[in-house]
Amino acid sequence: MKRKSIAMLAAAICTLAITITAFAADFISAEQARSIAAQWVPAGSTHLVTKDEGLEFIPHYDVKFYDNKTNTAYEVEVLKNGGKVREFKMEAKTVIGSPKIVLSANDVQNLVRKEFPNAVFTKVDLDRDKGLYEYELDFYTAEVRGEMKFNPETGAVLEKEIKYNVH
């Protein structure tokens, strides 16, 4: 009986070791993550840092860039296992809201729909921040959940956060 238990335990340990090895074989390097993330930002953006978040619940790399031409910060989360992009964030540092409201809520929803045609909106608000107006929209599709902020006069994107449904 004791030998049978030891044999079963040894088989379970071998199976676990094979599974872990196969799982780890799909892990990408920080340099690969940086290369993947660079495809999501404008050419010429400066790479700031690639941070290994391997101890998180979902192991990933946080890759940050900055575009000096537009003063825009970018952050791309790339999964360590397989290299899919999990999240994309951008923040325009010099684009701000406006004291004028030219665009309607429907106009800014259409701006989102240009990039995400099947967007379903859960929030469309005209907010005021430091005396300037900005539209804030929350939405989802089958592939993503997102939040975007727009200048209500020009339609310029102030902030964008997209979380991809990665399985």
N, C-alpha and C. Protein backbone atom coordinates (compact mmCIF):
# COMPACT_ATOMS: atom_id res chain seq x y z
N MET A 1 0.83 -1.19 0.00
CA MET A 1 0.00 0.00 0.00
C MET A 1 0.87 1.26 0.00
N LYS A 2 1.96 1.22 0.82
CA LYS A 2 2.84 2.36 0.92
C LYS A 2 3.55 2.62 -0.41
N ARG A 3 3.98 1.55 -1.11
CA ARG A 3 4.65 1.68 -2.39
C ARG A 3 3.71 2.29 -3.43
N LYS A 4 2.45 1.88 -3.40
CA LYS A 4 1.47 2.39 -4.34
C LYS A 4 1.28 3.90 -4.13
N SER A 5 1.22 4.35 -2.89
CA SER A 5 1.06 5.77 -2.57
C SER A 5 2.27 6.57 -3.02
N ILE A 6 3.46 6.01 -2.81
CA ILE A 6 4.69 6.69 -3.23
C ILE A 6 4.74 6.79 -4.75
N ALA A 7 4.34 5.73 -5.43
CA ALA A 7 4.33 5.74 -6.90
C ALA A 7 3.33 6.78 -7.42
N MET A 8 2.17 6.87 -6.78
CA MET A 8 1.16 7.86 -7.20
C MET A 8 1.66 9.28 -6.96
N LEU A 9 2.32 9.49 -5.83
CA LEU A 9 2.86 10.80 -5.51
C LEU A 9 3.95 11.18 -6.51
N ALA A 10 4.82 10.24 -6.86
CA ALA A 10 5.89 10.50 -7.82
C ALA A 10 5.30 10.84 -9.19
N ALA A 11 4.27 10.14 -9.59
CA ALA A 11 3.62 10.41 -10.88
C ALA A 11 2.99 11.80 -10.87
N ALA A 12 2.37 12.17 -9.77
CA ALA A 12 1.74 13.50 -9.66
C ALA A 12 2.80 14.60 -9.73
N ILE A 13 3.93 14.39 -9.07
CA ILE A 13 5.01 15.38 -9.09
C ILE A 13 5.58 15.52 -10.50
N CYS A 14 5.76 14.40 -11.19
CA CYS A 14 6.26 14.45 -12.57
C CYS A 14 5.29 15.20 -13.48
N THR A 15 4.00 14.92 -13.33
CA THR A 15 2.98 15.60 -14.13
C THR A 15 3.01 17.10 -13.87
N LEU A 16 3.12 17.48 -12.61
CA LEU A 16 3.18 18.89 -12.24
C LEU A 16 4.42 19.55 -12.84
N ALA A 17 5.55 18.88 -12.77
CA ALA A 17 6.80 19.43 -13.31
C ALA A 17 6.69 19.63 -14.82
N ILE A 18 6.10 18.69 -15.51
CA ILE A 18 5.92 18.79 -16.97
C ILE A 18 4.98 19.95 -17.29
N THR A 19 3.91 20.08 -16.54
CA THR A 19 2.93 21.16 -16.76
C THR A 19 3.58 22.51 -16.54
N ILE A 20 4.33 22.66 -15.46
CA ILE A 20 4.99 23.93 -15.15
C ILE A 20 6.01 24.26 -16.24
N THR A 21 6.77 23.27 -16.68
CA THR A 21 7.77 23.49 -17.73
C THR A 21 7.10 23.93 -19.03
N ALA A 22 5.99 23.30 -19.39
CA ALA A 22 5.27 23.66 -20.61
C ALA A 22 4.71 25.07 -20.49
N PHE A 23 4.17 25.41 -19.34
CA PHE A 23 3.61 26.73 -19.10
C PHE A 23 4.70 27.79 -19.19
N ALA A 24 5.81 27.56 -18.56
CA ALA A 24 6.91 28.52 -18.55
C ALA A 24 7.55 28.67 -19.92
N ALA A 25 7.45 27.65 -20.76
CA ALA A 25 8.04 27.71 -22.09
C ALA A 25 7.41 28.80 -22.94
N ASP A 26 6.17 29.20 -22.63
CA ASP A 26 5.49 30.23 -23.39
C ASP A 26 5.77 31.63 -22.86
N PHE A 27 6.55 31.75 -21.79
CA PHE A 27 6.86 33.06 -21.22
C PHE A 27 7.77 33.83 -22.18
N ILE A 28 7.49 35.12 -22.32
CA ILE A 28 8.31 35.97 -23.16
C ILE A 28 9.29 36.75 -22.29
N SER A 29 10.32 37.28 -22.93
CA SER A 29 11.32 38.08 -22.21
C SER A 29 10.86 39.54 -22.14
N ALA A 30 11.53 40.31 -21.31
CA ALA A 30 11.24 41.74 -21.20
C ALA A 30 11.48 42.44 -22.54
N GLU A 31 12.51 42.03 -23.25
CA GLU A 31 12.80 42.63 -24.55
C GLU A 31 11.70 42.32 -25.57
N GLN A 32 11.18 41.10 -25.53
CA GLN A 32 10.07 40.76 -26.42
C GLN A 32 8.83 41.58 -26.06
N ALA A 33 8.58 41.77 -24.77
CA ALA A 33 7.44 42.57 -24.32
C ALA A 33 7.58 44.01 -24.81
N ARG A 34 8.78 44.54 -24.72
CA ARG A 34 9.04 45.91 -25.18
C ARG A 34 8.76 46.03 -26.67
N SER A 35 9.19 45.05 -27.44
CA SER A 35 8.98 45.05 -28.88
C SER A 35 7.48 44.98 -29.21
N ILE A 36 6.75 44.16 -28.50
CA ILE A 36 5.30 44.04 -28.71
C ILE A 36 4.63 45.37 -28.37
N ALA A 37 4.98 45.95 -27.22
CA ALA A 37 4.37 47.20 -26.77
C ALA A 37 4.69 48.35 -27.73
N ALA A 38 5.88 48.37 -28.30
CA ALA A 38 6.28 49.44 -29.21
C ALA A 38 5.38 49.53 -30.43
N GLN A 39 4.74 48.43 -30.80
CA GLN A 39 3.83 48.42 -31.93
C GLN A 39 2.53 49.16 -31.63
N TRP A 40 2.26 49.45 -30.35
CA TRP A 40 1.02 50.09 -29.92
C TRP A 40 1.16 51.59 -29.72
N VAL A 41 2.36 52.12 -29.86
CA VAL A 41 2.59 53.55 -29.63
C VAL A 41 3.16 54.17 -30.90
N PRO A 42 3.06 55.50 -31.03
CA PRO A 42 3.60 56.14 -32.24
C PRO A 42 5.10 55.90 -32.41
N ALA A 43 5.51 55.76 -33.65
CA ALA A 43 6.94 55.61 -33.96
C ALA A 43 7.66 56.85 -33.42
N GLY A 44 8.84 56.64 -32.88
CA GLY A 44 9.62 57.74 -32.34
C GLY A 44 9.38 57.99 -30.86
N SER A 45 8.42 57.26 -30.26
CA SER A 45 8.21 57.41 -28.83
C SER A 45 9.41 56.86 -28.08
N THR A 46 9.73 57.47 -26.96
CA THR A 46 10.87 57.06 -26.16
C THR A 46 10.46 55.99 -25.15
N HIS A 47 11.19 54.88 -25.15
CA HIS A 47 10.95 53.84 -24.16
C HIS A 47 11.48 54.32 -22.82
N LEU A 48 10.64 54.29 -21.80
CA LEU A 48 11.04 54.74 -20.47
C LEU A 48 11.48 53.58 -19.58
N VAL A 49 10.64 52.54 -19.50
CA VAL A 49 10.94 51.44 -18.59
C VAL A 49 10.08 50.23 -18.96
N THR A 50 10.63 49.06 -18.70
CA THR A 50 9.87 47.82 -18.78
C THR A 50 9.99 47.17 -17.42
N LYS A 51 8.86 47.06 -16.75
CA LYS A 51 8.85 46.54 -15.38
C LYS A 51 8.24 45.14 -15.38
N ASP A 52 8.97 44.20 -14.81
CA ASP A 52 8.52 42.81 -14.71
C ASP A 52 7.57 42.68 -13.53
N GLU A 53 6.32 42.38 -13.84
CA GLU A 53 5.29 42.18 -12.81
C GLU A 53 4.96 40.68 -12.71
N GLY A 54 6.01 39.88 -12.66
CA GLY A 54 5.87 38.43 -12.66
C GLY A 54 5.25 37.85 -11.40
N LEU A 55 5.27 38.60 -10.32
CA LEU A 55 4.70 38.08 -9.07
C LEU A 55 3.24 38.48 -8.88
N GLU A 56 2.68 39.20 -9.83
CA GLU A 56 1.26 39.57 -9.78
C GLU A 56 0.40 38.34 -10.04
N PHE A 57 -0.90 38.46 -9.75
CA PHE A 57 -1.85 37.37 -9.99
C PHE A 57 -1.82 36.93 -11.45
N ILE A 58 -1.75 37.90 -12.34
CA ILE A 58 -1.59 37.61 -13.77
C ILE A 58 -0.23 38.19 -14.17
N PRO A 59 0.80 37.34 -14.31
CA PRO A 59 2.15 37.82 -14.61
C PRO A 59 2.20 38.59 -15.93
N HIS A 60 2.79 39.78 -15.90
CA HIS A 60 2.87 40.62 -17.08
C HIS A 60 4.05 41.58 -16.96
N TYR A 61 4.27 42.30 -18.05
CA TYR A 61 5.25 43.39 -18.07
C TYR A 61 4.47 44.69 -18.24
N ASP A 62 4.85 45.73 -17.49
CA ASP A 62 4.36 47.08 -17.70
C ASP A 62 5.43 47.79 -18.52
N VAL A 63 5.07 48.21 -19.72
CA VAL A 63 6.02 48.86 -20.61
C VAL A 63 5.55 50.31 -20.82
N LYS A 64 6.43 51.26 -20.48
CA LYS A 64 6.05 52.68 -20.56
C LYS A 64 6.87 53.40 -21.63
N PHE A 65 6.17 54.29 -22.35
CA PHE A 65 6.77 55.11 -23.40
C PHE A 65 6.30 56.55 -23.22
N TYR A 66 7.03 57.46 -23.85
CA TYR A 66 6.62 58.86 -23.86
C TYR A 66 6.90 59.42 -25.25
N ASP A 67 5.90 60.10 -25.82
CA ASP A 67 6.04 60.72 -27.13
C ASP A 67 6.26 62.21 -26.92
N ASN A 68 7.49 62.67 -27.15
CA ASN A 68 7.84 64.08 -26.94
C ASN A 68 7.14 65.01 -27.91
N LYS A 69 6.83 64.53 -29.12
CA LYS A 69 6.17 65.38 -30.12
C LYS A 69 4.78 65.79 -29.65
N THR A 70 4.06 64.88 -29.02
CA THR A 70 2.67 65.16 -28.61
C THR A 70 2.53 65.27 -27.10
N ASN A 71 3.64 65.11 -26.36
CA ASN A 71 3.61 65.12 -24.90
C ASN A 71 2.56 64.13 -24.36
N THR A 72 2.66 62.92 -24.85
CA THR A 72 1.70 61.87 -24.47
C THR A 72 2.44 60.71 -23.83
N ALA A 73 1.91 60.26 -22.68
CA ALA A 73 2.46 59.10 -21.98
C ALA A 73 1.66 57.87 -22.36
N TYR A 74 2.35 56.75 -22.53
CA TYR A 74 1.73 55.48 -22.88
C TYR A 74 2.17 54.41 -21.91
N GLU A 75 1.26 53.50 -21.59
CA GLU A 75 1.59 52.33 -20.79
C GLU A 75 0.88 51.13 -21.40
N VAL A 76 1.64 50.08 -21.67
CA VAL A 76 1.09 48.87 -22.29
C VAL A 76 1.42 47.69 -21.39
N GLU A 77 0.39 46.94 -20.99
CA GLU A 77 0.59 45.70 -20.21
C GLU A 77 0.63 44.54 -21.18
N VAL A 78 1.73 43.79 -21.14
CA VAL A 78 1.91 42.63 -22.02
C VAL A 78 2.02 41.39 -21.15
N LEU A 79 1.18 40.40 -21.42
CA LEU A 79 1.20 39.17 -20.64
C LEU A 79 2.50 38.42 -20.84
N LYS A 80 3.07 37.95 -19.73
CA LYS A 80 4.32 37.18 -19.82
C LYS A 80 4.09 35.86 -20.55
N ASN A 81 2.94 35.27 -20.34
CA ASN A 81 2.63 34.00 -20.98
C ASN A 81 1.95 34.26 -22.32
N GLY A 82 2.72 34.23 -23.39
CA GLY A 82 2.17 34.35 -24.73
C GLY A 82 2.31 35.71 -25.38
N GLY A 83 2.49 36.78 -24.61
CA GLY A 83 2.76 38.09 -25.19
C GLY A 83 1.57 38.87 -25.70
N LYS A 84 0.36 38.52 -25.27
CA LYS A 84 -0.81 39.30 -25.69
C LYS A 84 -0.88 40.60 -24.88
N VAL A 85 -1.40 41.64 -25.51
CA VAL A 85 -1.60 42.90 -24.81
C VAL A 85 -2.87 42.79 -23.98
N ARG A 86 -2.73 43.08 -22.70
CA ARG A 86 -3.84 42.98 -21.76
C ARG A 86 -4.50 44.34 -21.53
N GLU A 87 -3.67 45.41 -21.55
CA GLU A 87 -4.21 46.74 -21.28
C GLU A 87 -3.36 47.79 -21.98
N PHE A 88 -4.02 48.85 -22.44
CA PHE A 88 -3.36 49.96 -23.10
C PHE A 88 -3.88 51.25 -22.47
N LYS A 89 -2.97 52.14 -22.09
CA LYS A 89 -3.35 53.43 -21.52
C LYS A 89 -2.56 54.52 -22.20
N MET A 90 -3.22 55.66 -22.40
CA MET A 90 -2.51 56.84 -22.88
C MET A 90 -3.08 58.06 -22.19
N GLU A 91 -2.20 59.03 -21.98
CA GLU A 91 -2.64 60.29 -21.40
C GLU A 91 -1.88 61.42 -22.09
N ALA A 92 -2.66 62.29 -22.73
CA ALA A 92 -2.08 63.46 -23.39
C ALA A 92 -1.80 64.49 -22.32
N LYS A 93 -0.54 64.83 -22.13
CA LYS A 93 -0.13 65.72 -21.03
C LYS A 93 -0.45 67.18 -21.30
N THR A 94 -0.55 67.60 -22.55
CA THR A 94 -0.79 69.02 -22.83
C THR A 94 -2.17 69.28 -23.43
N VAL A 95 -2.90 68.23 -23.80
CA VAL A 95 -4.26 68.41 -24.31
C VAL A 95 -5.18 68.46 -23.10
N ILE A 96 -5.97 69.54 -23.02
CA ILE A 96 -6.84 69.71 -21.87
C ILE A 96 -8.28 69.92 -22.34
N GLY A 97 -9.17 70.04 -21.38
CA GLY A 97 -10.57 70.31 -21.70
C GLY A 97 -10.73 71.69 -22.32
N SER A 98 -11.99 72.13 -22.41
CA SER A 98 -12.26 73.40 -23.07
C SER A 98 -13.37 74.15 -22.34
N PRO A 99 -13.34 75.48 -22.38
CA PRO A 99 -14.44 76.24 -21.81
C PRO A 99 -15.67 76.20 -22.72
N LYS A 100 -15.48 75.77 -23.99
CA LYS A 100 -16.57 75.71 -24.97
C LYS A 100 -17.02 74.27 -25.18
N ILE A 101 -18.31 74.11 -25.40
CA ILE A 101 -18.87 72.80 -25.74
C ILE A 101 -19.42 72.89 -27.14
N VAL A 102 -18.74 72.28 -28.08
CA VAL A 102 -19.15 72.30 -29.48
C VAL A 102 -19.77 70.95 -29.86
N LEU A 103 -19.18 69.88 -29.36
CA LEU A 103 -19.61 68.53 -29.71
C LEU A 103 -20.70 68.05 -28.77
N SER A 104 -21.65 67.29 -29.32
CA SER A 104 -22.70 66.68 -28.51
C SER A 104 -22.22 65.35 -27.96
N ALA A 105 -22.99 64.80 -27.04
CA ALA A 105 -22.68 63.46 -26.51
C ALA A 105 -22.67 62.45 -27.65
N ASN A 106 -23.58 62.58 -28.59
CA ASN A 106 -23.64 61.68 -29.74
C ASN A 106 -22.38 61.81 -30.61
N ASP A 107 -21.88 63.03 -30.75
CA ASP A 107 -20.65 63.25 -31.54
C ASP A 107 -19.47 62.49 -30.94
N VAL A 108 -19.31 62.56 -29.62
CA VAL A 108 -18.16 61.88 -29.01
C VAL A 108 -18.36 60.37 -28.98
N GLN A 109 -19.61 59.92 -28.88
CA GLN A 109 -19.85 58.48 -29.00
C GLN A 109 -19.43 58.00 -30.38
N ASN A 110 -19.68 58.79 -31.40
CA ASN A 110 -19.27 58.42 -32.75
C ASN A 110 -17.75 58.41 -32.89
N LEU A 111 -17.05 59.27 -32.15
CA LEU A 111 -15.58 59.23 -32.15
C LEU A 111 -15.09 57.89 -31.60
N VAL A 112 -15.71 57.41 -30.55
CA VAL A 112 -15.36 56.09 -29.98
C VAL A 112 -15.68 55.00 -30.99
N ARG A 113 -16.84 55.10 -31.62
CA ARG A 113 -17.27 54.06 -32.57
C ARG A 113 -16.37 53.96 -33.80
N LYS A 114 -15.62 55.01 -34.11
CA LYS A 114 -14.66 54.92 -35.22
C LYS A 114 -13.62 53.85 -34.94
N GLU A 115 -13.22 53.75 -33.68
CA GLU A 115 -12.22 52.75 -33.29
C GLU A 115 -12.86 51.45 -32.80
N PHE A 116 -14.01 51.57 -32.16
CA PHE A 116 -14.72 50.41 -31.59
C PHE A 116 -16.17 50.43 -32.07
N PRO A 117 -16.41 49.93 -33.30
CA PRO A 117 -17.73 50.06 -33.94
C PRO A 117 -18.90 49.48 -33.12
N ASN A 118 -18.66 48.46 -32.34
CA ASN A 118 -19.75 47.82 -31.59
C ASN A 118 -19.83 48.29 -30.14
N ALA A 119 -19.30 49.46 -29.86
CA ALA A 119 -19.26 49.95 -28.48
C ALA A 119 -20.66 50.11 -27.90
N VAL A 120 -20.81 49.61 -26.68
CA VAL A 120 -22.02 49.80 -25.89
C VAL A 120 -21.62 50.71 -24.74
N PHE A 121 -22.30 51.84 -24.59
CA PHE A 121 -21.90 52.85 -23.61
C PHE A 121 -22.61 52.65 -22.28
N THR A 122 -21.83 52.69 -21.21
CA THR A 122 -22.38 52.58 -19.85
C THR A 122 -22.33 53.92 -19.13
N LYS A 123 -21.58 54.87 -19.70
CA LYS A 123 -21.47 56.20 -19.10
C LYS A 123 -21.08 57.19 -20.19
N VAL A 124 -21.82 58.27 -20.28
CA VAL A 124 -21.47 59.38 -21.17
C VAL A 124 -21.76 60.64 -20.36
N ASP A 125 -20.71 61.25 -19.82
CA ASP A 125 -20.86 62.41 -18.95
C ASP A 125 -20.05 63.59 -19.48
N LEU A 126 -20.62 64.77 -19.31
CA LEU A 126 -19.90 66.01 -19.54
C LEU A 126 -19.51 66.52 -18.17
N ASP A 127 -18.22 66.47 -17.87
CA ASP A 127 -17.71 66.87 -16.55
C ASP A 127 -16.94 68.18 -16.67
N ARG A 128 -16.72 68.77 -15.53
CA ARG A 128 -15.92 69.99 -15.47
C ARG A 128 -14.72 69.72 -14.57
N ASP A 129 -13.53 69.98 -15.09
CA ASP A 129 -12.30 69.76 -14.34
C ASP A 129 -11.48 71.04 -14.40
N LYS A 130 -11.26 71.67 -13.26
CA LYS A 130 -10.49 72.92 -13.17
C LYS A 130 -11.06 73.99 -14.09
N GLY A 131 -12.39 74.07 -14.14
CA GLY A 131 -13.05 75.10 -14.93
C GLY A 131 -13.21 74.78 -16.40
N LEU A 132 -12.68 73.63 -16.84
CA LEU A 132 -12.77 73.25 -18.25
C LEU A 132 -13.64 71.99 -18.39
N TYR A 133 -14.40 71.95 -19.48
CA TYR A 133 -15.27 70.81 -19.73
C TYR A 133 -14.51 69.68 -20.41
N GLU A 134 -14.95 68.46 -20.13
CA GLU A 134 -14.44 67.28 -20.84
C GLU A 134 -15.52 66.21 -20.80
N TYR A 135 -15.60 65.46 -21.88
CA TYR A 135 -16.51 64.32 -21.94
C TYR A 135 -15.78 63.08 -21.41
N GLU A 136 -16.48 62.29 -20.61
CA GLU A 136 -15.95 61.02 -20.14
C GLU A 136 -16.93 59.92 -20.55
N LEU A 137 -16.41 58.92 -21.24
CA LEU A 137 -17.24 57.82 -21.72
C LEU A 137 -16.67 56.49 -21.26
N ASP A 138 -17.54 55.64 -20.74
CA ASP A 138 -17.19 54.26 -20.42
C ASP A 138 -17.97 53.39 -21.40
N PHE A 139 -17.34 52.34 -21.88
CA PHE A 139 -17.99 51.48 -22.86
C PHE A 139 -17.38 50.08 -22.83
N TYR A 140 -18.03 49.18 -23.55
CA TYR A 140 -17.49 47.83 -23.70
C TYR A 140 -17.90 47.27 -25.05
N THR A 141 -17.14 46.29 -25.49
CA THR A 141 -17.48 45.47 -26.66
C THR A 141 -17.22 44.03 -26.23
N ALA A 142 -17.36 43.11 -27.14
CA ALA A 142 -17.06 41.71 -26.82
C ALA A 142 -15.57 41.52 -26.51
N GLU A 143 -14.72 42.40 -27.06
CA GLU A 143 -13.27 42.25 -26.92
C GLU A 143 -12.64 43.14 -25.85
N VAL A 144 -13.27 44.27 -25.51
CA VAL A 144 -12.64 45.25 -24.63
C VAL A 144 -13.62 45.90 -23.67
N ARG A 145 -13.03 46.50 -22.61
CA ARG A 145 -13.72 47.46 -21.75
C ARG A 145 -12.88 48.72 -21.82
N GLY A 146 -13.52 49.88 -21.93
CA GLY A 146 -12.73 51.08 -22.10
C GLY A 146 -13.30 52.31 -21.44
N GLU A 147 -12.42 53.27 -21.28
CA GLU A 147 -12.77 54.59 -20.79
C GLU A 147 -11.98 55.59 -21.62
N MET A 148 -12.68 56.61 -22.12
CA MET A 148 -12.01 57.65 -22.89
C MET A 148 -12.52 59.01 -22.45
N LYS A 149 -11.63 60.00 -22.50
CA LYS A 149 -11.98 61.39 -22.20
C LYS A 149 -11.64 62.23 -23.43
N PHE A 150 -12.54 63.16 -23.75
CA PHE A 150 -12.39 63.99 -24.94
C PHE A 150 -12.54 65.47 -24.61
N ASN A 151 -11.86 66.30 -25.39
CA ASN A 151 -12.08 67.74 -25.36
C ASN A 151 -13.42 67.97 -26.07
N PRO A 152 -14.39 68.69 -25.44
CA PRO A 152 -15.73 68.85 -26.03
C PRO A 152 -15.80 69.87 -27.17
N GLU A 153 -14.70 70.57 -27.40
CA GLU A 153 -14.67 71.54 -28.50
C GLU A 153 -14.03 70.94 -29.74
N THR A 154 -12.89 70.23 -29.55
CA THR A 154 -12.11 69.73 -30.69
C THR A 154 -12.25 68.23 -30.93
N GLY A 155 -12.68 67.49 -29.92
CA GLY A 155 -12.74 66.03 -30.04
C GLY A 155 -11.41 65.34 -29.78
N ALA A 156 -10.40 66.10 -29.37
CA ALA A 156 -9.09 65.51 -29.08
C ALA A 156 -9.20 64.57 -27.88
N VAL A 157 -8.50 63.45 -27.95
CA VAL A 157 -8.50 62.47 -26.87
C VAL A 157 -7.59 62.98 -25.76
N LEU A 158 -8.15 63.09 -24.55
CA LEU A 158 -7.37 63.52 -23.39
C LEU A 158 -6.75 62.32 -22.69
N GLU A 159 -7.55 61.26 -22.54
CA GLU A 159 -7.10 60.02 -21.90
C GLU A 159 -7.82 58.86 -22.55
N LYS A 160 -7.14 57.70 -22.49
CA LYS A 160 -7.73 56.49 -23.07
C LYS A 160 -7.20 55.30 -22.27
N GLU A 161 -8.11 54.48 -21.78
CA GLU A 161 -7.73 53.25 -21.08
C GLU A 161 -8.56 52.12 -21.65
N ILE A 162 -7.88 51.14 -22.23
CA ILE A 162 -8.54 50.01 -22.85
C ILE A 162 -8.03 48.73 -22.21
N LYS A 163 -8.96 47.90 -21.73
CA LYS A 163 -8.60 46.60 -21.15
C LYS A 163 -9.15 45.52 -22.08
N TYR A 164 -8.26 44.70 -22.56
CA TYR A 164 -8.62 43.65 -23.51
C TYR A 164 -9.04 42.39 -22.78
N ASN A 165 -10.08 41.73 -23.31
CA ASN A 165 -10.55 40.47 -22.74
C ASN A 165 -9.65 39.36 -23.27
N VAL A 166 -8.60 39.07 -22.53
CA VAL A 166 -7.62 38.06 -22.92
C VAL A 166 -7.93 36.79 -22.16
N HIS A 167 -8.03 35.70 -22.89
CA HIS A 167 -8.36 34.41 -22.26
C HIS A 167 -7.16 33.53 -22.19
